[in-house]
Structures are given as C-alpha cells and as structure tokens.
Amino acid sequence: MSRFQMTKRIGVLIVMSLSLILAACGGKEEPKKTEKKEPETEAVEESKEPEVVKIYIKENLEEAFNEIVNNFEREYEDIDIEPVFLTNEEIVQRVKEDEESSVVFTTENAVKELIEDDIVNIKDTKFLMMDELILFTKSEDPGVDRVKDMDQSTRVAILNPENYEEGELSKNIFEDEEFENVNDENFVIGDSAEDVIQDVMNNNAQVGVLYQSTIANNEELKTLVRAPRRVVEPFIYQLGLVSKAEVTDAERKVYDYLLSQDAQDILKKYGFVV
C-alpha cells in the first residue's frame, strides 16, 4: 500500500469516527424537567348556619306542632324552628321580656294582651283554629251512654282547676242546668291530661272532660257531648308576629307556613277545627 493510500484511509477513518461521535452526541436528549404541580384546591363554599326562628306556643299543641316543624324544615333547610311550649300566662310574660322578634301561636286572649301592649301589631295576626271542651267516655262499655244518664253518683275526671284554666272551665260546665244533677264532690282531679284519660279508662270515673284535640286520635274514647257554648266558649287560637325588632324573612316564612294548607291539614288531624 502506498503512503498516499494509507494517509487517505486514515483520513476516512477519522472522518467516520467523528461522524459517529457527533451522531451519538446529537441523538442523546436531555431529560425534560417536569414542573411540580401543586395539588389543585377546590374552592369550598362555607356552609351557612340555618337561621333560627323562635316561636312561643301553647303547651297543649306540642304533638301537632312537632309534626308541622318536621315538614317545614324539610322544605326550608336554611331555617330552624325553635318552639317554646308554655302556658298562656308564661307566653305573655316571656314575650314581654324577650328583646327579639318572634312568632306566637296561642289562644286569642293571650295574643289580644300582646296587641294591647303594642308588642304585636294587629295586622300581623290571623285566627287559625279553635278547640272545644268535650265530655267523653270509653268507646266500649261506657259507664254513661247519654248526658241524661249522669246523676249525683257519676264520677267525672277533670284537670286540677288550681293549675289549669281547662280544669276551671270544666267545673263551670256542671253549674249549667243541663248538668246540675252531677255532684262536684265526685270530681276526680288529674294533674295531667293523661291522668284524666287513665281515670276514665280504669273506671275511676265514668266521664272525663278535656279539649277535643286531646282525645281526637284515641280510638278507645268517644265524645259524649260538647260543652255548651253558653257556658264555655271554644278556645280560639291566633297567630301573631312579635315586632320588638324588625321582622325577618325567616319569621315571615314560618308565619305564612302555619297558615298554609299543609299545616292546617295536620291541625285537623289532631282534632282542631280550622
């Protein structure tokens, strides 16, 4: 091999080597740097606490009203009702002491007192329903079938007149000539409506006296007669908005719901006349 050919071959080898080196360098890619992503944080909307509406309500309405509250709060998830069950006298006193607005649902005479004291505006009241005192007996084997069967030996269960207006009104019934044969010494005094019912069921008394709503759904009892309206007028229940502070939209919604057909259907179910 001549010197020229050897030199040429060496040159070719050098060029090939350089090409291979460059190709290797050019083909090798730098690893891509991946940006570290911060975990996405979803905007969480703060849950709003339900607005609370206080309602002062006569204690004998508790069972029916609790059903109304359950229905209302299913429909209005942003409003909670806080019922305060009291006697008429307690309702009037508490409303007078309370500096906040509220709703009242009680008898006409209590609402009338709040109107006279400028605590409730008469335009923010509605007559809602009424209830009547009745004389009742057991459905089966009653001791008395008719009012004429009642005499001086008939035992009558009533609420304690010293603690319940209902008991005092019950006594007044037997001052009427229609019931004058009944001896008031035979009154069986109960400390609760349940006591009066049990006295009749256990034959401690042949007749009991309570409001119609109290026994409306009790199939073991039946109405003997309604108390004469010339002696005892029906209890009229009235709804009112207490306006010591500005009445809120939530209080208006509760007020309007109590006047709705849904609420009235529940009240009818519990024996009230709406």
Protein backbone atom coordinates (compact mmCIF):
# COMPACT_ATOMS: atom_id res chain seq x y z
CA MET A 1 0.00 0.00 0.00
CA SER A 2 1.43 3.31 -0.95
CA ARG A 3 1.92 6.07 1.53
CA PHE A 4 -0.75 8.12 -0.19
CA GLN A 5 -3.36 5.37 0.12
CA MET A 6 -2.56 4.83 3.80
CA THR A 7 -2.95 8.50 4.52
CA LYS A 8 -6.25 8.57 2.66
CA ARG A 9 -7.57 5.58 4.60
CA ILE A 10 -6.57 7.13 7.93
CA GLY A 11 -8.39 10.30 6.93
CA VAL A 12 -11.53 8.38 6.10
CA LEU A 13 -11.42 6.55 9.43
CA ILE A 14 -11.01 9.81 11.30
CA VAL A 15 -13.99 11.34 9.47
CA MET A 16 -16.12 8.28 10.22
CA SER A 17 -15.13 8.32 13.88
CA LEU A 18 -16.02 11.99 14.19
CA SER A 19 -19.38 11.37 12.48
CA LEU A 20 -20.17 8.57 14.90
CA ILE A 21 -19.24 10.73 17.88
CA LEU A 22 -21.34 13.63 16.65
CA ALA A 23 -24.28 11.37 15.91
CA ALA A 24 -24.07 9.89 19.38
CA CYS A 25 -23.93 13.30 20.97
CA GLY A 26 -26.71 14.68 18.81
CA GLY A 27 -29.09 11.75 19.46
CA LYS A 28 -28.84 11.88 23.19
CA GLU A 29 -31.66 14.05 24.53
CA GLU A 30 -31.52 15.81 27.81
CA PRO A 31 -34.28 14.55 30.16
CA LYS A 32 -37.10 17.02 30.34
CA LYS A 33 -37.64 18.69 33.62
CA THR A 34 -41.20 18.20 34.77
CA GLU A 35 -42.71 21.05 36.66
CA LYS A 36 -44.05 20.02 40.01
CA LYS A 37 -47.72 20.86 40.09
CA GLU A 38 -49.23 21.96 43.32
CA PRO A 39 -52.37 19.98 44.15
CA GLU A 40 -55.42 21.85 42.99
CA THR A 41 -57.50 23.16 45.83
CA GLU A 42 -61.19 23.41 45.12
CA ALA A 43 -62.92 26.44 46.45
CA VAL A 44 -65.07 25.18 49.32
CA GLU A 45 -68.10 27.26 49.97
CA GLU A 46 -68.57 27.86 53.66
CA SER A 47 -71.74 26.18 54.90
CA LYS A 48 -74.18 28.73 56.20
CA GLU A 49 -75.79 28.06 59.55
CA PRO A 50 -79.61 27.86 59.37
CA GLU A 51 -81.44 30.90 60.66
CA VAL A 52 -83.33 30.15 63.88
CA VAL A 53 -86.90 31.33 64.38
CA LYS A 54 -88.26 31.20 67.92
CA ILE A 55 -91.97 30.55 68.33
CA TYR A 56 -93.85 30.73 71.62
CA ILE A 57 -96.63 28.19 71.51
CA LYS A 58 -99.29 26.90 73.88
CA GLU A 59 -98.13 23.70 75.52
CA ASN A 60 -101.10 21.54 74.51
CA LEU A 61 -100.15 21.97 70.83
CA GLU A 62 -96.81 20.20 71.17
CA GLU A 63 -97.61 16.93 69.39
CA ALA A 64 -99.28 18.54 66.37
CA PHE A 65 -96.72 21.32 66.14
CA ASN A 66 -93.73 18.97 66.17
CA GLU A 67 -95.13 17.33 63.03
CA ILE A 68 -95.54 20.75 61.42
CA VAL A 69 -91.94 21.64 62.29
CA ASN A 70 -90.61 18.45 60.69
CA ASN A 71 -92.48 19.20 57.46
CA PHE A 72 -91.38 22.84 57.42
CA GLU A 73 -87.68 22.10 57.99
CA ARG A 74 -87.67 19.54 55.17
CA GLU A 75 -88.91 22.26 52.84
CA TYR A 76 -86.78 25.11 54.23
CA GLU A 77 -83.34 23.69 55.02
CA ASP A 78 -81.97 27.16 55.77
CA ILE A 79 -84.41 27.77 58.64
CA ASP A 80 -84.66 26.02 62.01
CA ILE A 81 -87.71 26.48 64.24
CA GLU A 82 -87.15 26.72 67.98
CA PRO A 83 -90.51 26.01 69.67
CA VAL A 84 -91.03 27.14 73.27
CA PHE A 85 -94.06 25.37 74.77
CA LEU A 86 -95.62 27.28 77.68
CA THR A 87 -98.92 28.18 79.32
CA ASN A 88 -100.71 31.32 78.15
CA GLU A 89 -99.54 33.31 81.15
CA GLU A 90 -95.94 32.20 80.65
CA ILE A 91 -96.05 33.05 76.94
CA VAL A 92 -97.22 36.60 77.62
CA GLN A 93 -94.55 37.09 80.30
CA ARG A 94 -91.69 35.65 78.22
CA VAL A 95 -92.62 37.63 75.11
CA LYS A 96 -92.69 40.83 77.16
CA GLU A 97 -89.19 40.06 78.50
CA ASP A 98 -87.71 38.93 75.16
CA GLU A 99 -85.98 41.75 73.27
CA GLU A 100 -86.01 39.88 69.96
CA SER A 101 -88.79 39.40 67.45
CA SER A 102 -90.52 36.02 67.34
CA VAL A 103 -93.76 34.26 66.45
CA VAL A 104 -96.60 33.46 68.87
CA PHE A 105 -99.17 30.73 68.39
CA THR A 106 -101.59 30.60 71.28
CA THR A 107 -105.11 31.48 72.35
CA GLU A 108 -106.90 34.65 71.35
CA ASN A 109 -106.91 36.22 74.80
CA ALA A 110 -103.11 35.97 75.15
CA VAL A 111 -102.48 37.47 71.71
CA LYS A 112 -105.01 40.22 72.49
CA GLU A 113 -102.99 41.19 75.57
CA LEU A 114 -99.82 41.43 73.47
CA ILE A 115 -101.66 43.61 70.95
CA GLU A 116 -102.85 45.94 73.71
CA ASP A 117 -99.25 46.28 74.91
CA ASP A 118 -98.08 47.18 71.35
CA ILE A 119 -95.88 44.09 71.21
CA VAL A 120 -97.84 42.51 68.37
CA ASN A 121 -99.30 44.57 65.53
CA ILE A 122 -102.90 43.61 64.84
CA LYS A 123 -102.21 43.50 61.08
CA ASP A 124 -99.68 40.72 61.77
CA THR A 125 -102.24 38.37 63.36
CA LYS A 126 -104.51 35.69 61.98
CA PHE A 127 -107.19 33.49 63.53
CA LEU A 128 -106.01 29.98 62.83
CA MET A 129 -108.28 27.40 64.51
CA MET A 130 -110.43 26.58 67.50
CA ASP A 131 -110.83 23.81 70.06
CA GLU A 132 -113.72 22.90 72.35
CA LEU A 133 -114.12 21.23 75.68
CA ILE A 134 -115.97 17.93 75.44
CA LEU A 135 -117.30 15.32 77.81
CA PHE A 136 -116.07 11.88 76.80
CA THR A 137 -116.39 8.23 77.82
CA LYS A 138 -114.89 4.90 76.83
CA SER A 139 -115.80 3.66 73.36
CA GLU A 140 -116.70 0.19 74.65
CA ASP A 141 -118.83 -0.44 77.72
CA PRO A 142 -119.11 3.23 78.72
CA GLY A 143 -120.39 3.92 82.19
CA VAL A 144 -122.64 6.64 80.74
CA ASP A 145 -124.37 6.47 77.31
CA ARG A 146 -126.20 9.82 77.39
CA VAL A 147 -126.00 13.10 79.29
CA LYS A 148 -129.35 12.18 80.92
CA ASP A 149 -127.64 9.16 82.48
CA MET A 150 -125.41 11.41 84.56
CA ASP A 151 -126.52 11.92 88.16
CA GLN A 152 -125.13 12.60 91.64
CA SER A 153 -123.26 9.30 91.64
CA THR A 154 -121.43 9.95 88.36
CA ARG A 155 -117.72 10.43 88.80
CA VAL A 156 -116.17 12.99 86.45
CA ALA A 157 -112.43 13.28 85.77
CA ILE A 158 -111.14 16.82 85.21
CA LEU A 159 -107.82 18.62 85.30
CA ASN A 160 -106.81 20.34 88.53
CA PRO A 161 -108.67 23.71 88.49
CA GLU A 162 -105.92 25.30 90.59
CA ASN A 163 -103.27 24.59 87.96
CA TYR A 164 -105.17 24.53 84.68
CA GLU A 165 -107.59 27.00 83.15
CA GLU A 166 -109.05 23.97 81.40
CA GLY A 167 -109.86 22.47 84.79
CA GLU A 168 -111.61 25.63 85.98
CA LEU A 169 -113.67 25.76 82.79
CA SER A 170 -114.54 22.09 83.21
CA LYS A 171 -116.00 22.82 86.64
CA ASN A 172 -118.11 25.63 85.18
CA ILE A 173 -119.86 23.18 82.86
CA PHE A 174 -121.50 21.48 85.81
CA GLU A 175 -123.01 24.72 87.03
CA ASP A 176 -125.27 24.68 83.97
CA GLU A 177 -128.79 23.31 84.41
CA GLU A 178 -128.15 20.60 81.82
CA PHE A 179 -125.59 19.01 84.15
CA GLU A 180 -126.87 20.15 87.54
CA ASN A 181 -127.50 16.56 88.67
CA VAL A 182 -123.76 15.94 88.85
CA ASN A 183 -122.29 16.33 92.32
CA ASP A 184 -119.00 18.26 92.26
CA GLU A 185 -117.83 16.17 95.23
CA ASN A 186 -117.46 13.35 92.70
CA PHE A 187 -114.83 15.17 90.64
CA VAL A 188 -111.71 13.06 90.11
CA ILE A 189 -108.82 15.54 89.87
CA GLY A 190 -105.95 14.85 87.48
CA ASP A 191 -102.56 16.53 87.26
CA SER A 192 -102.29 15.97 83.52
CA ALA A 193 -104.48 15.14 80.54
CA GLU A 194 -103.09 11.62 80.63
CA ASP A 195 -104.28 11.28 84.24
CA VAL A 196 -107.80 12.25 83.20
CA ILE A 197 -107.79 9.75 80.33
CA GLN A 198 -106.49 6.95 82.52
CA ASP A 199 -109.12 7.66 85.20
CA VAL A 200 -111.81 7.06 82.56
CA MET A 201 -110.07 4.01 81.07
CA ASN A 202 -109.59 2.43 84.51
CA ASN A 203 -113.21 3.17 85.56
CA ASN A 204 -112.12 5.58 88.28
CA ALA A 205 -114.52 7.95 86.52
CA GLN A 206 -117.36 7.35 84.09
CA VAL A 207 -116.87 10.67 82.26
CA GLY A 208 -113.86 12.86 81.51
CA VAL A 209 -113.58 16.47 80.40
CA LEU A 210 -110.77 17.62 78.09
CA TYR A 211 -110.33 19.51 74.86
CA GLN A 212 -111.43 17.70 71.71
CA SER A 213 -107.90 17.76 70.28
CA THR A 214 -106.57 15.83 73.29
CA ILE A 215 -108.58 12.69 72.53
CA ALA A 216 -109.09 13.12 68.77
CA ASN A 217 -106.92 10.16 67.75
CA ASN A 218 -107.72 7.89 70.68
CA GLU A 219 -109.97 5.11 69.36
CA GLU A 220 -110.65 3.87 72.89
CA LEU A 221 -112.52 7.07 73.73
CA LYS A 222 -115.56 8.76 72.25
CA THR A 223 -117.26 12.13 72.61
CA LEU A 224 -120.36 12.13 74.78
CA VAL A 225 -121.25 15.78 74.19
CA ARG A 226 -119.58 19.11 73.51
CA ALA A 227 -119.61 21.60 76.35
CA PRO A 228 -122.47 24.12 75.90
CA ARG A 229 -121.14 27.31 74.30
CA ARG A 230 -123.45 29.32 76.52
CA VAL A 231 -121.20 28.16 79.39
CA VAL A 232 -117.76 27.63 77.82
CA GLU A 233 -116.82 29.32 74.57
CA PRO A 234 -114.46 27.48 72.22
CA PHE A 235 -110.78 28.25 72.53
CA ILE A 236 -109.79 30.40 69.55
CA TYR A 237 -106.13 30.08 68.56
CA GLN A 238 -104.40 33.01 66.97
CA LEU A 239 -101.08 33.50 65.20
CA GLY A 240 -99.01 36.66 65.61
CA LEU A 241 -95.66 38.23 64.77
CA VAL A 242 -93.83 39.91 67.65
CA SER A 243 -92.38 43.15 66.32
CA LYS A 244 -89.96 44.29 69.02
CA ALA A 245 -87.23 44.10 66.39
CA GLU A 246 -87.52 44.10 62.60
CA VAL A 247 -89.40 41.01 61.49
CA THR A 248 -87.10 38.79 59.43
CA ASP A 249 -87.88 37.00 56.17
CA ALA A 250 -87.46 33.68 58.00
CA GLU A 251 -90.11 34.65 60.57
CA ARG A 252 -92.46 35.64 57.77
CA LYS A 253 -91.93 32.25 56.11
CA VAL A 254 -92.78 30.41 59.35
CA TYR A 255 -95.85 32.63 59.85
CA ASP A 256 -97.05 32.01 56.28
CA TYR A 257 -96.39 28.27 56.51
CA LEU A 258 -98.58 27.95 59.60
CA LEU A 259 -101.41 29.43 57.53
CA SER A 260 -100.77 27.03 54.65
CA GLN A 261 -102.97 24.09 53.69
CA ASP A 262 -100.21 21.65 54.70
CA ALA A 263 -100.12 22.97 58.27
CA GLN A 264 -103.91 23.15 58.52
CA ASP A 265 -104.28 19.55 57.38
CA ILE A 266 -102.02 18.47 60.24
CA LEU A 267 -104.01 20.53 62.75
CA LYS A 268 -107.24 18.95 61.53
CA LYS A 269 -105.72 15.51 62.00
CA TYR A 270 -105.16 16.36 65.67
CA GLY A 271 -108.78 17.36 66.21
CA PHE A 272 -108.67 21.14 65.77
CA VAL A 273 -111.30 23.00 63.77
CA VAL A 274 -109.59 25.17 61.13
